[in-house]
Amino acid sequence: MSEAQIKKLGQKYGEMAERRLRAWQNLIIDSASLDEDEKLHRVNRFFNQLRFIDDIIHWKKKDYWASPVEFLITNGGDCEDFSIAKYYTLRQLGVPIEKLSIAYVKALKLNQAHMVLTYYPSPGKTPLILDNLIPEIKPANRRLDLQHVYSFNGDNLWLSKKGRRSTLVGTSDQLKPWVQLQSRMEHQDY
């Protein structure tokens, strides 16, 4: 984002929104030359500071997938918003798309649907889980509290087993909320 875009959003949404956007841009600038492991930790820490708030309260909708900018200017969101913001920030930091997936899981202790970001250090390796429920980044095989259902990234959609992509079932444009998010992000006027 340009400084002019940040200032414009700050004028519209307030000083704190502007500060969060500027902090996000500083995170991106300061993390650009770091190794991927450090990028993961910094991005996870940064977004996990924001508040969790259900879509029905926050957006007055049952389900709404916010862009990173929407998430930051409103200072909160639900698990999808945390995962999406981390995904796009890591992509902007140069992490290859094939290493990242947003995973739809069941949080067993909460007995509810949940979303996390998964990072594959290399093909075939157990992915790492970036989650807003816990601050630590852990391998999927150490997150027994999550039951994986499916995962997707900007290209593909997979069924998931034990935290790993198991069966390619199509492209991510089969997910209506993802398509709506992409469309809004393309047309957002900063």
Protein backbone atom coordinates (compact mmCIF):
# COMPACT_ATOMS: atom_id res chain seq x y z
CA MET A 1 0.00 0.00 0.00
CA SER A 2 1.15 3.50 -0.71
CA GLU A 3 1.45 6.18 1.94
CA ALA A 4 -1.40 8.05 0.23
CA GLN A 5 -3.65 4.96 0.47
CA ILE A 6 -2.83 4.55 4.16
CA LYS A 7 -3.57 8.23 4.86
CA LYS A 8 -6.85 8.06 2.93
CA LEU A 9 -7.99 5.03 4.92
CA GLY A 10 -6.82 6.70 8.13
CA GLN A 11 -8.97 9.74 7.38
CA LYS A 12 -11.97 7.50 6.75
CA TYR A 13 -11.51 4.95 9.58
CA GLY A 14 -9.47 6.82 12.18
CA GLU A 15 -5.97 7.14 13.55
CA MET A 16 -5.81 3.63 15.05
CA ALA A 17 -6.77 2.06 11.70
CA GLU A 18 -4.02 4.09 10.05
CA ARG A 19 -1.51 2.95 12.67
CA ARG A 20 -2.42 -0.72 12.13
CA LEU A 21 -2.07 -0.36 8.35
CA ARG A 22 1.28 1.38 8.74
CA ALA A 23 2.47 -1.32 11.18
CA TRP A 24 1.46 -3.97 8.61
CA GLN A 25 3.41 -2.21 5.88
CA ASN A 26 6.42 -1.90 8.20
CA LEU A 27 6.15 -5.63 8.97
CA ILE A 28 6.30 -6.36 5.24
CA ILE A 29 9.26 -4.04 4.66
CA ASP A 30 11.19 -5.22 7.74
CA SER A 31 10.57 -8.92 7.02
CA ALA A 32 11.32 -8.97 3.30
CA SER A 33 14.90 -10.24 3.61
CA LEU A 34 14.31 -12.72 6.43
CA ASP A 35 14.24 -16.49 6.00
CA GLU A 36 10.82 -18.13 5.64
CA ASP A 37 10.78 -19.47 9.20
CA GLU A 38 11.23 -16.00 10.67
CA LYS A 39 8.64 -14.56 8.25
CA LEU A 40 6.12 -17.14 9.50
CA HIS A 41 6.75 -16.26 13.14
CA ARG A 42 6.60 -12.50 12.63
CA VAL A 43 3.42 -12.62 10.54
CA ASN A 44 1.73 -15.05 12.95
CA ARG A 45 2.63 -12.86 15.96
CA PHE A 46 1.52 -9.67 14.22
CA PHE A 47 -1.95 -10.84 13.27
CA ASN A 48 -2.60 -12.79 16.46
CA GLN A 49 -2.59 -9.43 18.29
CA LEU A 50 -5.88 -8.47 16.65
CA ARG A 51 -9.16 -9.25 18.36
CA PHE A 52 -11.38 -12.18 17.52
CA ILE A 53 -14.98 -11.23 16.75
CA ASP A 54 -17.72 -13.33 15.15
CA ASP A 55 -18.96 -12.34 11.69
CA ILE A 56 -22.55 -11.96 12.85
CA ILE A 57 -21.48 -9.32 15.38
CA HIS A 58 -18.73 -7.72 13.29
CA TRP A 59 -20.22 -7.71 9.78
CA LYS A 60 -23.90 -8.48 10.55
CA LYS A 61 -23.55 -11.54 8.28
CA LYS A 62 -23.41 -15.24 9.05
CA ASP A 63 -20.16 -15.65 7.11
CA TYR A 64 -17.90 -12.96 5.68
CA TRP A 65 -14.30 -13.40 4.56
CA ALA A 66 -12.53 -10.07 5.07
CA SER A 67 -9.54 -8.83 3.12
CA PRO A 68 -6.39 -8.06 5.12
CA VAL A 69 -7.17 -4.33 4.83
CA GLU A 70 -10.74 -4.81 6.10
CA PHE A 71 -9.41 -6.95 8.95
CA LEU A 72 -6.88 -4.30 9.95
CA ILE A 73 -9.04 -1.20 9.63
CA THR A 74 -11.78 -2.78 11.75
CA ASN A 75 -9.26 -4.27 14.24
CA GLY A 76 -10.73 -7.73 14.24
CA GLY A 77 -12.28 -10.69 12.58
CA ASP A 78 -12.85 -14.39 12.90
CA CYS A 79 -10.59 -17.34 12.13
CA GLU A 80 -11.00 -16.99 8.35
CA ASP A 81 -9.83 -13.40 8.52
CA PHE A 82 -6.72 -14.29 10.55
CA SER A 83 -5.84 -17.06 8.06
CA ILE A 84 -6.50 -14.92 4.97
CA ALA A 85 -4.42 -12.00 6.30
CA LYS A 86 -1.51 -14.30 7.12
CA TYR A 87 -1.78 -16.00 3.71
CA TYR A 88 -1.71 -12.75 1.72
CA THR A 89 1.03 -11.21 3.83
CA LEU A 90 3.29 -14.25 3.42
CA ARG A 91 2.56 -14.30 -0.32
CA GLN A 92 3.55 -10.61 -0.46
CA LEU A 93 6.75 -11.55 1.38
CA GLY A 94 7.60 -13.99 -1.41
CA VAL A 95 6.54 -17.30 0.13
CA PRO A 96 5.60 -19.49 -2.86
CA ILE A 97 1.92 -20.31 -3.29
CA GLU A 98 2.57 -24.07 -3.31
CA LYS A 99 3.87 -23.82 0.28
CA LEU A 100 0.68 -22.23 1.64
CA SER A 101 -2.90 -23.42 2.14
CA ILE A 102 -5.83 -22.16 4.11
CA ALA A 103 -7.25 -25.19 5.90
CA TYR A 104 -10.84 -25.71 6.96
CA VAL A 105 -10.74 -27.84 10.09
CA LYS A 106 -12.87 -28.82 13.04
CA ALA A 107 -11.53 -27.51 16.34
CA LEU A 108 -12.30 -30.57 18.45
CA LYS A 109 -12.06 -28.93 21.88
CA LEU A 110 -14.43 -26.16 20.77
CA ASN A 111 -16.56 -28.58 18.71
CA GLN A 112 -16.82 -26.09 15.87
CA ALA A 113 -15.58 -25.27 12.39
CA HIS A 114 -12.31 -23.34 12.29
CA MET A 115 -9.71 -22.14 9.79
CA VAL A 116 -5.93 -22.08 10.02
CA LEU A 117 -3.05 -21.39 7.68
CA THR A 118 -0.78 -24.28 6.77
CA TYR A 119 2.81 -23.93 5.56
CA TYR A 120 4.65 -26.77 3.80
CA PRO A 121 8.44 -26.38 4.28
CA SER A 122 8.88 -28.72 1.31
CA PRO A 123 6.69 -31.14 -0.66
CA GLY A 124 5.81 -34.23 1.33
CA LYS A 125 6.77 -32.69 4.68
CA THR A 126 4.27 -32.28 7.49
CA PRO A 127 2.86 -28.76 7.30
CA LEU A 128 3.16 -26.22 10.08
CA ILE A 129 -0.04 -24.68 11.47
CA LEU A 130 -0.44 -20.93 12.01
CA ASP A 131 -3.52 -20.49 14.18
CA ASN A 132 -5.16 -17.61 16.01
CA LEU A 133 -6.16 -19.94 18.89
CA ILE A 134 -2.59 -20.56 20.04
CA PRO A 135 0.53 -18.41 19.64
CA GLU A 136 2.94 -21.24 18.80
CA ILE A 137 3.46 -22.54 15.28
CA LYS A 138 3.29 -26.32 15.48
CA PRO A 139 3.47 -29.20 12.98
CA ALA A 140 0.06 -30.56 11.98
CA ASN A 141 0.86 -33.94 13.56
CA ARG A 142 1.18 -32.16 16.95
CA ARG A 143 -2.19 -30.44 16.63
CA LEU A 144 -4.40 -33.35 17.62
CA ASP A 145 -7.09 -30.83 18.55
CA LEU A 146 -7.74 -30.17 14.83
CA GLN A 147 -9.53 -32.49 12.42
CA HIS A 148 -8.68 -31.48 8.85
CA VAL A 149 -11.43 -31.41 6.22
CA TYR A 150 -10.15 -29.50 3.18
CA SER A 151 -7.56 -26.90 2.24
CA PHE A 152 -7.07 -24.43 -0.58
CA ASN A 153 -4.80 -21.72 -1.87
CA GLY A 154 -5.03 -19.27 -4.75
CA ASP A 155 -4.92 -22.14 -7.23
CA ASN A 156 -6.25 -25.43 -5.88
CA LEU A 157 -8.66 -27.19 -3.54
CA TRP A 158 -7.76 -30.42 -1.72
CA LEU A 159 -9.36 -32.83 0.68
CA SER A 160 -7.15 -33.07 3.75
CA LYS A 161 -6.13 -35.94 6.00
CA LYS A 162 -4.08 -35.60 9.17
CA GLY A 163 -3.12 -32.06 8.27
CA ARG A 164 -1.87 -32.85 4.76
CA ARG A 165 -3.33 -32.25 1.34
CA SER A 166 -4.54 -35.67 0.27
CA THR A 167 -6.72 -35.48 -2.84
CA LEU A 168 -6.86 -32.66 -5.38
CA VAL A 169 -10.57 -32.05 -5.98
CA GLY A 170 -10.49 -28.92 -8.12
CA THR A 171 -9.62 -25.27 -8.07
CA SER A 172 -10.19 -22.73 -5.32
CA ASP A 173 -12.70 -20.84 -7.47
CA GLN A 174 -15.22 -23.49 -6.41
CA LEU A 175 -15.38 -21.74 -3.01
CA LYS A 176 -17.92 -18.91 -3.26
CA PRO A 177 -16.58 -16.88 -0.27
CA TRP A 178 -13.05 -17.08 -1.75
CA VAL A 179 -14.29 -15.86 -5.15
CA GLN A 180 -16.19 -13.00 -3.48
CA LEU A 181 -13.07 -12.03 -1.49
CA GLN A 182 -10.91 -12.05 -4.63
CA SER A 183 -13.43 -9.86 -6.45
CA ARG A 184 -13.62 -7.33 -3.60
CA MET A 185 -9.84 -7.16 -3.33
CA GLU A 186 -9.49 -6.50 -7.07
CA HIS A 187 -12.01 -3.68 -6.89
CA GLN A 188 -11.13 -2.08 -3.54
CA ASP A 189 -10.49 1.60 -3.98
CA TYR A 190 -7.87 2.77 -1.53
